[in-house]
C-alpha atoms as a PDB file:
ATOM      1  CA  MET A   1       0.000   0.000   0.000  1.00  0.00           C
ATOM      2  CA  ASP A   2       1.155   3.545  -0.750  1.00  0.00           C
ATOM      3  CA  PRO A   3       2.753   4.984   2.453  1.00  0.00           C
ATOM      4  CA  LEU A   4       0.859   8.255   1.912  1.00  0.00           C
ATOM      5  CA  LEU A   5      -2.475   6.437   1.864  1.00  0.00           C
ATOM      6  CA  THR A   6      -1.514   4.396   4.931  1.00  0.00           C
ATOM      7  CA  ILE A   7      -0.614   7.538   6.896  1.00  0.00           C
ATOM      8  CA  VAL A   8      -3.894   9.222   5.928  1.00  0.00           C
ATOM      9  CA  ILE A   9      -5.881   6.135   6.989  1.00  0.00           C
ATOM     10  CA  VAL A  10      -4.087   5.894  10.336  1.00  0.00           C
ATOM     11  CA  SER A  11      -4.583   9.612  11.017  1.00  0.00           C
ATOM     12  CA  VAL A  12      -8.365   9.472  10.554  1.00  0.00           C
ATOM     13  CA  LEU A  13      -8.903   6.255  12.510  1.00  0.00           C
ATOM     14  CA  GLY A  14      -8.777   8.009  15.907  1.00  0.00           C
ATOM     15  CA  PRO A  15     -11.792  10.320  15.477  1.00  0.00           C
ATOM     16  CA  VAL A  16     -13.759   7.623  13.632  1.00  0.00           C
ATOM     17  CA  ILE A  17     -13.117   4.889  16.220  1.00  0.00           C
ATOM     18  CA  GLY A  18     -13.739   7.298  19.105  1.00  0.00           C
ATOM     19  CA  SER A  19     -16.980   8.528  17.541  1.00  0.00           C
ATOM     20  CA  ALA A  20     -18.199   4.948  17.112  1.00  0.00           C
ATOM     21  CA  ILE A  21     -17.391   4.094  20.720  1.00  0.00           C
ATOM     22  CA  GLY A  22     -19.116   7.275  21.914  1.00  0.00           C
ATOM     23  CA  VAL A  23     -22.485   6.243  20.451  1.00  0.00           C
ATOM     24  CA  LEU A  24     -22.150   2.646  21.644  1.00  0.00           C
ATOM     25  CA  ARG A  25     -20.516   2.440  25.064  1.00  0.00           C
ATOM     26  CA  LYS A  26     -17.810   4.135  27.102  1.00  0.00           C
ATOM     27  CA  PRO A  27     -14.574   2.188  27.759  1.00  0.00           C
ATOM     28  CA  SER A  28     -12.982   2.001  31.208  1.00  0.00           C
ATOM     29  CA  VAL A  29     -11.008   4.943  32.579  1.00  0.00           C
ATOM     30  CA  ASN A  30      -7.964   2.698  33.001  1.00  0.00           C
ATOM     31  CA  TYR A  31      -8.034   1.703  29.325  1.00  0.00           C
ATOM     32  CA  ILE A  32      -8.271   5.300  28.136  1.00  0.00           C
ATOM     33  CA  SER A  33      -5.551   6.393  30.575  1.00  0.00           C
ATOM     34  CA  ASN A  34      -3.103   3.822  29.246  1.00  0.00           C
ATOM     35  CA  MET A  35      -3.887   4.771  25.644  1.00  0.00           C
ATOM     36  CA  LEU A  36      -3.225   8.431  26.377  1.00  0.00           C
ATOM     37  CA  SER A  37      -0.031   7.650  28.268  1.00  0.00           C
ATOM     38  CA  PHE A  38       1.292   5.574  25.361  1.00  0.00           C
ATOM     39  CA  ALA A  39       0.522   8.426  22.960  1.00  0.00           C
ATOM     40  CA  ALA A  40       2.343  10.816  25.313  1.00  0.00           C
ATOM     41  CA  GLY A  41       5.456   8.654  25.213  1.00  0.00           C
ATOM     42  CA  VAL A  42       5.409   8.551  21.425  1.00  0.00           C
ATOM     43  CA  MET A  43       4.933  12.315  21.117  1.00  0.00           C
ATOM     44  CA  LEU A  44       7.684  13.166  23.604  1.00  0.00           C
ATOM     45  CA  ALA A  45      10.173  10.761  22.040  1.00  0.00           C
ATOM     46  CA  ILE A  46       9.546  12.080  18.532  1.00  0.00           C
ATOM     47  CA  SER A  47       9.676  15.716  19.694  1.00  0.00           C
ATOM     48  CA  PHE A  48      12.963  15.492  21.574  1.00  0.00           C
ATOM     49  CA  LEU A  49      14.778  12.775  19.619  1.00  0.00           C
ATOM     50  CA  GLU A  50      13.725  13.606  16.069  1.00  0.00           C
ATOM     51  CA  LEU A  51      11.915  16.922  15.525  1.00  0.00           C
ATOM     52  CA  ILE A  52      14.073  19.274  17.586  1.00  0.00           C
ATOM     53  CA  PRO A  53      17.402  17.893  16.262  1.00  0.00           C
ATOM     54  CA  GLU A  54      16.009  18.026  12.701  1.00  0.00           C
ATOM     55  CA  SER A  55      14.872  21.612  13.204  1.00  0.00           C
ATOM     56  CA  ILE A  56      18.313  22.647  14.464  1.00  0.00           C
ATOM     57  CA  HIS A  57      19.978  20.832  11.558  1.00  0.00           C
ATOM     58  CA  LEU A  58      17.848  22.614   8.950  1.00  0.00           C
ATOM     59  CA  SER A  59      17.921  26.057  10.573  1.00  0.00           C
ATOM     60  CA  SER A  60      19.593  27.018  13.867  1.00  0.00           C
ATOM     61  CA  VAL A  61      19.191  26.702  17.623  1.00  0.00           C
ATOM     62  CA  ILE A  62      17.527  30.118  17.855  1.00  0.00           C
ATOM     63  CA  VAL A  63      15.069  29.373  15.029  1.00  0.00           C
ATOM     64  CA  CYS A  64      14.249  26.021  16.609  1.00  0.00           C
ATOM     65  CA  MET A  65      13.625  27.639  20.005  1.00  0.00           C
ATOM     66  CA  LEU A  66      11.361  30.271  18.454  1.00  0.00           C
ATOM     67  CA  GLY A  67       9.523  27.546  16.563  1.00  0.00           C
ATOM     68  CA  VAL A  68       8.937  25.491  19.717  1.00  0.00           C
ATOM     69  CA  LEU A  69       7.666  28.597  21.515  1.00  0.00           C
ATOM     70  CA  PHE A  70       5.398  29.535  18.605  1.00  0.00           C
ATOM     71  CA  GLY A  71       3.908  26.040  18.327  1.00  0.00           C
ATOM     72  CA  SER A  72       3.121  25.883  22.034  1.00  0.00           C
ATOM     73  CA  LEU A  73       1.592  29.387  21.967  1.00  0.00           C
ATOM     74  CA  VAL A  74      -0.635  28.414  19.027  1.00  0.00           C
ATOM     75  CA  MET A  75      -2.054  25.465  20.961  1.00  0.00           C
ATOM     76  CA  TYR A  76      -2.406  27.594  24.100  1.00  0.00           C
ATOM     77  CA  GLY A  77      -4.306  30.195  22.115  1.00  0.00           C
ATOM     78  CA  LEU A  78      -6.611  27.564  20.620  1.00  0.00           C
ATOM     79  CA  ASP A  79      -7.324  26.175  24.085  1.00  0.00           C
ATOM     80  CA  ARG A  80      -8.161  29.650  25.392  1.00  0.00           C
ATOM     81  CA  LEU A  81     -10.292  30.794  22.459  1.00  0.00           C
ATOM     82  CA  ILE A  82     -12.090  27.629  21.352  1.00  0.00           C
ATOM     83  CA  PRO A  83     -14.337  25.353  23.457  1.00  0.00           C
ATOM     84  CA  HIS A  84     -12.424  22.178  24.176  1.00  0.00           C
ATOM     85  CA  ILE A  85     -12.613  19.095  26.383  1.00  0.00           C
ATOM     86  CA  HIS A  86     -10.323  17.122  28.639  1.00  0.00           C
ATOM     87  CA  PRO A  87     -10.549  13.473  27.540  1.00  0.00           C
ATOM     88  CA  GLU A  88     -10.162  11.911  30.987  1.00  0.00           C
ATOM     89  CA  LEU A  89     -13.504  13.212  32.219  1.00  0.00           C
ATOM     90  CA  CYS A  90     -15.160  14.436  29.019  1.00  0.00           C
ATOM     91  CA  ASN A  91     -15.630  17.772  30.728  1.00  0.00           C
ATOM     92  CA  GLN A  92     -16.154  21.088  28.958  1.00  0.00           C
ATOM     93  CA  GLU A  93     -13.718  23.761  30.021  1.00  0.00           C
ATOM     94  CA  GLN A  94     -16.340  26.473  29.811  1.00  0.00           C
ATOM     95  CA  GLY A  95     -18.784  24.560  32.016  1.00  0.00           C
ATOM     96  CA  ARG A  96     -21.917  25.137  29.908  1.00  0.00           C
ATOM     97  CA  ASN A  97     -24.701  22.588  29.649  1.00  0.00           C
ATOM     98  CA  ILE A  98     -24.377  19.781  27.103  1.00  0.00           C
ATOM     99  CA  LYS A  99     -27.302  20.875  24.946  1.00  0.00           C
ATOM    100  CA  ARG A 100     -25.848  24.321  24.325  1.00  0.00           C
ATOM    101  CA  THR A 101     -22.247  23.246  23.777  1.00  0.00           C
ATOM    102  CA  SER A 102     -22.238  19.823  22.083  1.00  0.00           C
ATOM    103  CA  THR A 103     -22.029  21.399  18.641  1.00  0.00           C
ATOM    104  CA  TYR A 104     -19.423  23.960  19.752  1.00  0.00           C
ATOM    105  CA  LEU A 105     -17.262  21.223  21.236  1.00  0.00           C
ATOM    106  CA  ILE A 106     -17.261  19.412  17.902  1.00  0.00           C
ATOM    107  CA  MET A 107     -16.318  22.678  16.171  1.00  0.00           C
ATOM    108  CA  GLY A 108     -13.535  23.164  18.695  1.00  0.00           C
ATOM    109  CA  ILE A 109     -12.076  19.709  18.066  1.00  0.00           C
ATOM    110  CA  PHE A 110     -12.483  20.338  14.328  1.00  0.00           C
ATOM    111  CA  LEU A 111     -10.241  23.424  14.527  1.00  0.00           C
ATOM    112  CA  HIS A 112      -7.780  21.834  16.955  1.00  0.00           C
ATOM    113  CA  ASN A 113      -7.188  18.962  14.530  1.00  0.00           C
ATOM    114  CA  PHE A 114      -5.861  21.094  11.659  1.00  0.00           C
ATOM    115  CA  PRO A 115      -2.441  21.818  13.210  1.00  0.00           C
ATOM    116  CA  GLU A 116      -2.276  18.174  14.313  1.00  0.00           C
ATOM    117  CA  GLY A 117      -2.654  17.183  10.661  1.00  0.00           C
ATOM    118  CA  MET A 118       0.202  19.513   9.768  1.00  0.00           C
ATOM    119  CA  ALA A 119       2.322  17.888  12.471  1.00  0.00           C
ATOM    120  CA  ILE A 120       1.906  14.495  10.811  1.00  0.00           C
ATOM    121  CA  ALA A 121       3.424  15.833   7.580  1.00  0.00           C
ATOM    122  CA  VAL A 122       6.879  16.529   9.038  1.00  0.00           C
ATOM    123  CA  GLY A 123       7.977  13.144   7.665  1.00  0.00           C
ATOM    124  CA  ALA A 124       7.871  14.710   4.199  1.00  0.00           C
ATOM    125  CA  VAL A 125      11.295  16.209   4.930  1.00  0.00           C
ATOM    126  CA  SER A 126      12.640  13.466   7.176  1.00  0.00           C
ATOM    127  CA  ASP A 127      11.421   9.862   7.119  1.00  0.00           C
ATOM    128  CA  VAL A 128       8.039   8.334   6.366  1.00  0.00           C
ATOM    129  CA  LYS A 129       8.326   6.457   9.683  1.00  0.00           C
ATOM    130  CA  VAL A 130       8.235   9.799  11.511  1.00  0.00           C
ATOM    131  CA  SER A 131       4.924  10.698   9.885  1.00  0.00           C
ATOM    132  CA  MET A 132       3.547   7.232  10.620  1.00  0.00           C
ATOM    133  CA  ALA A 133       4.534   7.372  14.303  1.00  0.00           C
ATOM    134  CA  ILE A 134       3.091  10.871  14.757  1.00  0.00           C
ATOM    135  CA  ALA A 135      -0.094   9.807  12.945  1.00  0.00           C
ATOM    136  CA  LEU A 136      -0.424   6.827  15.290  1.00  0.00           C
ATOM    137  CA  ALA A 137       0.124   8.914  18.435  1.00  0.00           C
ATOM    138  CA  ILE A 138      -2.319  11.635  17.360  1.00  0.00           C
ATOM    139  CA  SER A 139      -4.847   9.006  16.273  1.00  0.00           C
ATOM    140  CA  ILE A 140      -4.707   7.349  19.709  1.00  0.00           C
ATOM    141  CA  HIS A 141      -4.981  10.786  21.337  1.00  0.00           C
ATOM    142  CA  ASN A 142      -8.092  11.534  19.250  1.00  0.00           C
ATOM    143  CA  ILE A 143     -10.009   8.393  20.243  1.00  0.00           C
ATOM    144  CA  PRO A 144     -11.092   9.809  23.643  1.00  0.00           C
ATOM    145  CA  GLU A 145     -11.898  13.136  21.964  1.00  0.00           C
ATOM    146  CA  GLY A 146     -14.109  11.279  19.492  1.00  0.00           C
ATOM    147  CA  ILE A 147     -15.892   9.625  22.395  1.00  0.00           C
ATOM    148  CA  CYS A 148     -16.375  12.954  24.139  1.00  0.00           C
ATOM    149  CA  THR A 149     -17.814  14.657  21.060  1.00  0.00           C
ATOM    150  CA  SER A 150     -20.120  11.947  19.721  1.00  0.00           C
ATOM    151  CA  ALA A 151     -21.577  10.920  23.099  1.00  0.00           C
ATOM    152  CA  PRO A 152     -23.058  14.313  24.109  1.00  0.00           C
ATOM    153  CA  PHE A 153     -24.236  14.991  20.552  1.00  0.00           C
ATOM    154  CA  TYR A 154     -26.024  11.633  20.565  1.00  0.00           C
ATOM    155  CA  HIS A 155     -27.481  12.449  23.972  1.00  0.00           C
ATOM    156  CA  VAL A 156     -28.927  15.679  22.563  1.00  0.00           C
ATOM    157  CA  THR A 157     -30.141  14.466  19.156  1.00  0.00           C
ATOM    158  CA  GLY A 158     -30.987  10.830  19.858  1.00  0.00           C
ATOM    159  CA  ASN A 159     -29.713  10.037  16.337  1.00  0.00           C
ATOM    160  CA  ARG A 160     -26.848   7.531  16.547  1.00  0.00           C
ATOM    161  CA  LEU A 161     -25.822   7.628  12.864  1.00  0.00           C
ATOM    162  CA  LYS A 162     -25.916  11.433  12.616  1.00  0.00           C
ATOM    163  CA  SER A 163     -23.900  11.774  15.827  1.00  0.00           C
ATOM    164  CA  PHE A 164     -21.280   9.327  14.548  1.00  0.00           C
ATOM    165  CA  LEU A 165     -20.963  11.062  11.178  1.00  0.00           C
ATOM    166  CA  VAL A 166     -20.827  14.604  12.591  1.00  0.00           C
ATOM    167  CA  SER A 167     -18.226  13.642  15.186  1.00  0.00           C
ATOM    168  CA  SER A 168     -16.192  11.638  12.645  1.00  0.00           C
ATOM    169  CA  SER A 169     -16.036  14.717  10.421  1.00  0.00           C
ATOM    170  CA  THR A 170     -13.418  16.114  12.827  1.00  0.00           C
ATOM    171  CA  ALA A 171     -10.973  13.876  10.927  1.00  0.00           C
ATOM    172  CA  ILE A 172     -11.324  16.103   7.840  1.00  0.00           C
ATOM    173  CA  PRO A 173      -9.028  18.926   9.076  1.00  0.00           C
ATOM    174  CA  ILE A 174      -6.393  16.325   9.993  1.00  0.00           C
ATOM    175  CA  VAL A 175      -6.219  15.211   6.370  1.00  0.00           C
ATOM    176  CA  ALA A 176      -6.426  18.814   5.104  1.00  0.00           C
ATOM    177  CA  GLY A 177      -3.610  19.961   7.400  1.00  0.00           C
ATOM    178  CA  TYR A 178      -1.470  16.985   6.399  1.00  0.00           C
ATOM    179  CA  LEU A 179      -1.896  17.526   2.651  1.00  0.00           C
ATOM    180  CA  LEU A 180      -1.331  21.297   2.925  1.00  0.00           C
ATOM    181  CA  ALA A 181       1.843  20.890   4.968  1.00  0.00           C
ATOM    182  CA  ARG A 182       3.252  18.250   2.589  1.00  0.00           C
ATOM    183  CA  HIS A 183       2.772  20.678  -0.276  1.00  0.00           C
ATOM    184  CA  LEU A 184       4.355  23.564   1.653  1.00  0.00           C
ATOM    185  CA  PHE A 185       7.387  21.525   2.665  1.00  0.00           C
ATOM    186  CA  LEU A 186       8.221  20.962  -1.002  1.00  0.00           C
ATOM    187  CA  ASN A 187       8.203  24.673  -1.856  1.00  0.00           C
ATOM    188  CA  ILE A 188       9.805  26.604   1.023  1.00  0.00           C
ATOM    189  CA  PRO A 189      13.424  27.168   2.200  1.00  0.00           C
ATOM    190  CA  ASP A 190      15.121  24.946   4.782  1.00  0.00           C
ATOM    191  CA  GLN A 191      15.148  27.756   7.368  1.00  0.00           C
ATOM    192  CA  VAL A 192      11.362  28.004   7.238  1.00  0.00           C
ATOM    193  CA  ILE A 193      10.968  24.219   7.299  1.00  0.00           C
ATOM    194  CA  GLY A 194      13.211  24.135  10.383  1.00  0.00           C
ATOM    195  CA  ALA A 195      10.983  26.691  12.093  1.00  0.00           C
ATOM    196  CA  ILE A 196       7.841  24.707  11.201  1.00  0.00           C
ATOM    197  CA  ILE A 197       9.351  21.471  12.502  1.00  0.00           C
ATOM    198  CA  GLY A 198      10.297  23.277  15.718  1.00  0.00           C
ATOM    199  CA  ALA A 199       6.735  24.578  15.976  1.00  0.00           C
ATOM    200  CA  THR A 200       5.472  21.030  15.478  1.00  0.00           C
ATOM    201  CA  ALA A 201       7.614  19.891  18.393  1.00  0.00           C
ATOM    202  CA  GLY A 202       6.205  22.718  20.535  1.00  0.00           C
ATOM    203  CA  LEU A 203       2.667  21.767  19.538  1.00  0.00           C
ATOM    204  CA  MET A 204       3.204  18.114  20.474  1.00  0.00           C
ATOM    205  CA  ILE A 205       4.975  18.903  23.749  1.00  0.00           C
ATOM    206  CA  TYR A 206       2.103  21.235  24.694  1.00  0.00           C
ATOM    207  CA  ILE A 207      -0.519  18.568  23.927  1.00  0.00           C
ATOM    208  CA  THR A 208       1.454  16.018  25.941  1.00  0.00           C
ATOM    209  CA  ALA A 209       1.983  18.248  28.975  1.00  0.00           C
ATOM    210  CA  ASP A 210      -1.435  19.929  28.984  1.00  0.00           C
ATOM    211  CA  GLU A 211      -3.647  16.967  28.078  1.00  0.00           C
ATOM    212  CA  LEU A 212      -2.108  13.543  27.731  1.00  0.00           C
ATOM    213  CA  ILE A 213      -0.038  13.160  30.906  1.00  0.00           C
ATOM    214  CA  PRO A 214      -2.581  14.836  33.277  1.00  0.00           C
ATOM    215  CA  SER A 215      -5.396  12.841  31.671  1.00  0.00           C
ATOM    216  CA  SER A 216      -3.527   9.548  31.900  1.00  0.00           C
ATOM    217  CA  CYS A 217      -2.842  10.063  35.623  1.00  0.00           C
ATOM    218  CA  SER A 218      -6.425  10.988  36.531  1.00  0.00           C
ATOM    219  CA  GLY A 219      -8.171   8.363  38.623  1.00  0.00           C
ATOM    220  CA  THR A 220      -5.413   5.756  38.291  1.00  0.00           C
ATOM    221  CA  ASP A 221      -2.601   4.406  40.454  1.00  0.00           C
ATOM    222  CA  HIS A 222      -0.025   6.074  38.172  1.00  0.00           C
ATOM    223  CA  LYS A 223       1.129   2.755  36.689  1.00  0.00           C
ATOM    224  CA  THR A 224       0.323   4.366  33.358  1.00  0.00           C
ATOM    225  CA  ILE A 225       3.905   5.698  33.447  1.00  0.00           C
ATOM    226  CA  PHE A 226       4.906   2.320  32.027  1.00  0.00           C
ATOM    227  CA  SER A 227       2.611   2.894  29.060  1.00  0.00           C
ATOM    228  CA  LEU A 228       4.435   6.196  28.497  1.00  0.00           C
ATOM    229  CA  ILE A 229       7.784   4.397  28.630  1.00  0.00           C
ATOM    230  CA  THR A 230       6.405   1.801  26.209  1.00  0.00           C
ATOM    231  CA  GLY A 231       5.533   4.635  23.820  1.00  0.00           C
ATOM    232  CA  VAL A 232       9.107   5.937  23.988  1.00  0.00           C
ATOM    233  CA  MET A 233      10.514   2.450  23.343  1.00  0.00           C
ATOM    234  CA  PHE A 234       8.078   2.016  20.463  1.00  0.00           C
ATOM    235  CA  VAL A 235       9.557   5.058  18.729  1.00  0.00           C
ATOM    236  CA  ILE A 236      13.093   3.769  19.288  1.00  0.00           C
ATOM    237  CA  LEU A 237      12.182   0.320  17.927  1.00  0.00           C
ATOM    238  CA  LEU A 238      10.732   1.924  14.817  1.00  0.00           C
ATOM    239  CA  GLY A 239      14.140   3.427  14.233  1.00  0.00           C
ATOM    240  CA  VAL A 240      12.680   6.933  14.152  1.00  0.00           C
ATOM    241  CA  ALA A 241      15.127   8.116  16.755  1.00  0.00           C
END
């Protein structure tokens, strides 16, 4: 199978699988926590062992640092401006009732997923295995978000199929961001690519620190740390690092 097609399929599986689970039944907190912790390990390993060194190689230390800062600020701004949810509890940050915010939460996830799609495309200038590993980590990360968007929408509408389809549509910006970034990487200077890769690292580190690790530790005995370590070893075994 074409690697590009495989990466696209993997990247959209998270929202689709999560949306299906959300209209059927909710998995255990322990299961979700371990999934998120594994994704955190993958994202951290790729950020520090692959993306940041690649950014420095293509540009400079200063450009890389600015890129990391910019990427983290973008995700911080999205979290502040757009309704979002924490996967461990499926809670809305703004605290409004489900009926008023179910649609806005889906819109929020929709917009959050675009830069994640761009993050997957960094393999276009490095190694296809990098893109595949990032796609896998983001896909796993998006399963709980799919659950937390389809479930309240189904609760409001009572329409299982419509809720699944609307929630699954949050995969569209992932694909759009991926395809756009692949095109950009082929037509811009190395310095700019280095800054974008640095920003991708900042984006992934922010997601890991703000969402994945806190979510994976919520309501558990903290043994999920071993799932995080497994994620790091998974990246090393892939040869990405």
